Protein backbone atom coordinates (compact mmCIF):
# COMPACT_ATOMS: atom_id res chain seq x y z
CA MET A 1 0.00 0.00 0.00
CA ARG A 2 1.15 3.54 -0.77
CA LYS A 3 2.41 5.42 2.30
CA ILE A 4 1.95 9.17 2.58
CA LEU A 5 3.58 11.54 5.07
CA ILE A 6 1.75 14.80 5.80
CA THR A 7 3.05 17.90 7.56
CA ASN A 8 2.30 21.62 7.58
CA ASP A 9 3.33 24.92 9.16
CA ASP A 10 -0.02 25.93 10.67
CA GLY A 11 0.16 23.27 13.37
CA ILE A 12 -1.29 19.82 13.85
CA ASP A 13 -4.63 21.22 15.09
CA SER A 14 -5.25 23.27 11.94
CA GLU A 15 -8.30 22.66 9.79
CA GLY A 16 -6.16 22.48 6.65
CA ILE A 17 -4.11 19.47 7.69
CA LYS A 18 -7.29 17.60 8.66
CA ARG A 19 -8.81 18.29 5.24
CA LEU A 20 -5.63 17.16 3.49
CA ALA A 21 -5.55 13.94 5.49
CA GLU A 22 -9.19 13.24 4.55
CA VAL A 23 -8.11 13.31 0.91
CA ALA A 24 -4.83 11.45 1.43
CA VAL A 25 -6.46 8.40 3.05
CA LYS A 26 -8.16 7.76 -0.30
CA PHE A 27 -4.69 7.18 -1.78
CA GLY A 28 -3.01 5.10 0.92
CA GLU A 29 -1.80 4.78 4.50
CA VAL A 30 -1.33 8.19 6.08
CA TRP A 31 1.12 9.39 8.70
CA VAL A 32 0.91 12.94 10.05
CA VAL A 33 3.93 14.49 11.75
CA ALA A 34 3.36 18.20 12.30
CA PRO A 35 4.35 21.08 14.59
CA CYS A 36 2.51 21.46 17.86
CA ARG A 37 2.04 25.18 17.15
CA GLN A 38 2.02 27.80 14.41
CA PHE A 39 5.25 27.97 12.39
CA SER A 40 4.22 30.06 9.39
CA ALA A 41 6.91 32.02 7.52
CA LYS A 42 9.72 29.95 9.07
CA SER A 43 10.97 28.91 5.62
CA HIS A 44 13.49 26.02 5.77
CA SER A 45 14.42 26.69 9.41
CA ALA A 46 15.83 23.63 11.17
CA THR A 47 16.75 22.65 14.72
CA PHE A 48 20.27 21.25 15.05
CA TRP A 49 21.48 22.18 18.53
CA ASP A 50 18.40 21.48 20.65
CA PRO A 51 16.37 18.30 21.17
CA ILE A 52 13.01 17.82 19.43
CA ASP A 53 10.08 16.36 21.36
CA VAL A 54 7.70 14.01 19.53
CA TRP A 55 4.47 12.58 20.94
CA PRO A 56 1.40 10.75 19.58
CA VAL A 57 -1.87 12.66 19.35
CA ASP A 58 -5.49 11.81 18.65
CA PHE A 59 -6.29 12.87 15.10
CA PRO A 60 -9.81 13.54 13.79
CA VAL A 61 -9.40 11.37 10.67
CA GLU A 62 -9.88 7.63 11.20
CA GLY A 63 -6.89 5.40 10.49
CA VAL A 64 -4.30 8.18 10.45
CA HIS A 65 -1.14 7.78 12.55
CA ALA A 66 -0.46 11.23 14.01
CA TYR A 67 2.38 12.82 15.97
CA ALA A 68 3.04 16.36 17.13
CA THR A 69 6.54 17.76 17.51
CA SER A 70 8.21 20.76 19.10
CA GLY A 71 10.15 21.35 15.89
CA THR A 72 9.73 23.38 12.72
CA PRO A 73 8.01 22.05 9.59
CA SER A 74 11.40 21.08 8.15
CA ASP A 75 12.23 19.32 11.43
CA CYS A 76 8.96 17.38 11.17
CA VAL A 77 9.98 15.94 7.82
CA CYS A 78 13.45 15.00 9.08
CA VAL A 79 12.29 13.36 12.29
CA ALA A 80 9.45 11.57 10.50
CA LEU A 81 11.72 10.11 7.82
CA ASN A 82 14.53 9.17 10.17
CA ALA A 83 12.83 8.25 13.44
CA VAL A 84 9.02 8.10 13.49
CA LEU A 85 7.88 6.27 10.37
CA PRO A 86 8.59 2.53 10.30
CA ASP A 87 9.09 2.66 6.51
CA LYS A 88 9.89 5.37 3.99
CA PRO A 89 6.84 7.06 2.42
CA ASP A 90 6.03 7.06 -1.26
CA ASN A 91 4.84 10.68 -1.14
CA VAL A 92 5.03 13.70 1.11
CA PHE A 93 2.12 16.17 1.26
CA CYS A 94 2.42 19.61 2.88
CA GLY A 95 -0.57 21.77 3.79
CA ILE A 96 -3.29 22.69 3.21
CA ASN A 97 -1.72 26.03 4.10
CA SER A 98 -3.87 28.98 5.17
CA GLY A 99 -2.50 31.62 2.80
CA TYR A 100 -0.91 31.49 -0.64
CA ASN A 101 2.58 30.10 -1.11
CA ILE A 102 3.14 31.84 -4.36
CA ALA A 103 5.43 34.16 -6.34
CA SER A 104 8.56 35.31 -4.52
CA SER A 105 6.88 34.79 -1.13
CA ILE A 106 7.55 31.05 -1.52
CA GLN A 107 10.98 31.66 0.00
CA TYR A 108 9.37 32.51 3.36
CA SER A 109 6.98 29.57 3.46
CA GLY A 110 7.25 26.97 6.19
CA THR A 111 4.96 24.75 4.11
CA CYS A 112 7.31 24.89 1.14
CA GLY A 113 10.32 24.69 3.46
CA ALA A 114 9.05 21.30 4.64
CA ALA A 115 8.30 20.29 1.05
CA PHE A 116 11.82 21.22 -0.06
CA GLU A 117 13.28 19.23 2.83
CA ALA A 118 11.39 16.16 1.61
CA ALA A 119 12.48 16.81 -1.98
CA ASN A 120 16.08 17.14 -0.84
CA GLU A 121 15.70 13.68 0.69
CA GLY A 122 14.50 12.35 -2.66
CA PHE A 123 10.76 12.06 -1.98
CA HIS A 124 7.96 12.97 -4.37
CA THR A 125 6.35 15.99 -2.72
CA ILE A 126 3.27 18.16 -3.20
CA ALA A 127 2.55 21.45 -1.39
CA PHE A 128 -1.05 22.68 -1.09
CA SER A 129 -2.15 26.23 -0.23
CA GLU A 130 -5.25 28.41 -0.43
CA TYR A 131 -6.18 32.05 0.15
CA HIS A 132 -6.45 32.64 3.89
CA GLU A 133 -9.62 34.75 3.62
CA GLY A 134 -11.40 32.71 0.98
CA PRO A 135 -13.89 29.84 1.19
CA HIS A 136 -12.69 26.23 1.03
CA ASP A 137 -15.08 25.23 -1.75
CA VAL A 138 -12.57 25.27 -4.61
CA ALA A 139 -9.92 23.26 -2.79
CA ASP A 140 -12.43 20.74 -1.49
CA LYS A 141 -13.88 20.28 -4.97
CA TYR A 142 -10.64 19.89 -6.94
CA ILE A 143 -7.97 18.63 -4.53
CA GLU A 144 -8.61 14.92 -5.06
CA GLU A 145 -8.63 15.31 -8.85
CA ILE A 146 -5.37 17.27 -8.88
CA THR A 147 -3.72 14.89 -6.42
CA SER A 148 -4.59 11.92 -8.63
CA VAL A 149 -2.93 13.68 -11.58
CA LEU A 150 0.23 14.66 -9.72
CA ILE A 151 0.84 11.86 -7.23
CA ASP A 152 2.93 9.83 -9.67
CA LYS A 153 3.87 12.59 -12.10
CA PRO A 154 7.69 12.85 -12.25
CA LEU A 155 9.66 15.65 -10.66
CA GLY A 156 13.26 16.70 -11.15
CA VAL A 157 15.93 16.74 -8.45
CA ASN A 158 14.92 19.05 -5.58
CA GLU A 159 11.61 19.91 -7.25
CA ILE A 160 8.13 19.97 -5.73
CA TRP A 161 4.63 20.35 -7.07
CA ASN A 162 3.12 23.57 -5.73
CA ILE A 163 -0.67 24.05 -5.79
CA ASN A 164 -2.54 27.25 -4.88
CA PHE A 165 -6.34 27.36 -4.77
CA PRO A 166 -7.90 30.78 -5.50
CA GLY A 167 -9.91 32.71 -2.96
CA CYS A 168 -13.16 32.65 -4.89
CA THR A 169 -16.40 30.72 -4.82
CA LEU A 170 -16.77 27.47 -6.71
CA GLU A 171 -18.99 29.22 -9.25
CA GLU A 172 -16.32 31.86 -9.89
CA CYS A 173 -13.47 29.36 -10.33
CA LYS A 174 -12.43 29.08 -14.00
CA GLY A 175 -10.61 25.76 -13.68
CA ILE A 176 -7.03 24.52 -13.34
CA LYS A 177 -3.89 25.96 -14.92
CA TYR A 178 -1.05 23.46 -14.99
CA ASP A 179 2.60 24.32 -15.64
CA CYS A 180 2.41 27.77 -14.07
CA SER A 181 5.77 29.45 -13.65
CA VAL A 182 6.67 31.23 -10.42
CA SER A 183 6.01 34.96 -10.60
CA GLN A 184 9.15 36.97 -9.97
CA ARG A 185 7.17 39.83 -8.47
CA PRO A 186 6.68 40.09 -4.71
CA PHE A 187 3.24 39.03 -3.54
CA PHE A 188 3.16 41.56 -0.74
CA SER A 189 4.68 44.87 0.27
CA GLY A 190 4.56 46.81 3.50
CA ARG A 191 6.36 48.53 6.27
CA TYR A 192 7.00 48.20 10.00
CA LYS A 193 4.71 50.27 12.18
CA GLU A 194 5.36 51.12 15.80
CA VAL A 195 2.89 49.38 18.13
CA LYS A 196 4.47 50.06 21.52
CA SER A 197 7.10 52.22 23.18
CA GLU A 198 8.75 52.04 26.59
CA GLY A 199 11.35 54.76 27.06
CA ALA A 200 13.97 54.26 24.34
CA LYS A 201 12.61 50.82 23.50
CA ARG A 202 10.32 50.52 20.47
CA THR A 203 8.19 47.55 19.36
CA TYR A 204 7.37 47.20 15.66
CA MET A 205 4.95 45.02 13.73
CA PHE A 206 5.12 44.30 10.01
CA ASP A 207 2.08 45.70 8.26
CA TYR A 208 1.75 44.11 4.82
CA VAL A 209 -0.52 44.56 1.83
CA PRO A 210 -0.92 41.94 -0.96
CA VAL A 211 0.19 43.05 -4.41
CA TRP A 212 -2.44 41.86 -6.87
CA ASP A 213 -0.43 42.08 -10.07
CA ALA A 214 1.61 39.49 -11.97
CA GLU A 215 2.88 38.32 -15.35
CA GLU A 216 0.80 36.11 -17.63
CA GLY A 217 1.47 32.39 -17.26
CA THR A 218 2.52 32.68 -13.62
CA ASP A 219 1.10 31.22 -10.43
CA LEU A 220 0.05 34.57 -9.03
CA ARG A 221 -1.63 35.62 -12.29
CA ALA A 222 -3.60 32.38 -12.27
CA VAL A 223 -5.08 32.86 -8.80
CA ILE A 224 -5.79 36.53 -9.49
CA ASP A 225 -7.85 35.35 -12.46
CA ASN A 226 -9.61 32.70 -10.30
CA TYR A 227 -7.75 29.66 -11.62
CA ILE A 228 -6.10 26.95 -9.54
CA ALA A 229 -2.35 27.38 -10.05
CA VAL A 230 -0.25 24.21 -10.40
CA GLY A 231 3.45 24.27 -11.14
CA LYS A 232 6.87 22.93 -10.31
CA VAL A 233 9.20 24.82 -8.00
CA LYS A 234 12.89 24.00 -7.73
CA ASN A 235 14.84 24.43 -4.52
CA PHE A 236 18.30 25.86 -5.09
CA SER A 237 19.28 26.14 -1.44
């Protein structure tokens, strides 16, 4: 039977990882190893000099073996492959992330960081993301179909499949665009605003605004136009 490892960066209690596991069990035996808390925007961060705790948890999808860890998303992949799973998986799924992992913002993504870690280890990997403010209808409708297309579709060395579901209703979705390139434009811009001051000490918070503009044929352009964006992303790190 096919074995699938799932992780994410939103934490093991997130709704997205539950929804992904519900799809994955249709394709094989599922193991979830995910952070115990939110680790968004941690990129490929890894823990080398401190121990990582791992413990079993009850998971809301029947038949899934699930473990939480104190580590980052990348750590979860490493500890799963080298310590937790009794056998190597056939596929690694990451997500479903709350928020696009798209355009140049991919470099910040903990979801894609975990996916790249799995790809670096030689495993066929798919990352799934959706707009954080949008409904789940599009992802829930199309995710099984897209997974069935990609699950055995070849990837190059250090490559992953990256899927982004648009933040529109099912009726507004125009379909799937495969082979999207990665937009070279930043997906967000912003500045740091002061939120607190104590004497000479200042506390700042990043205040960002999405940039809804992109080149034709790219992942960001696809979701702007209400298409599901599917493409390969290569890790050069």
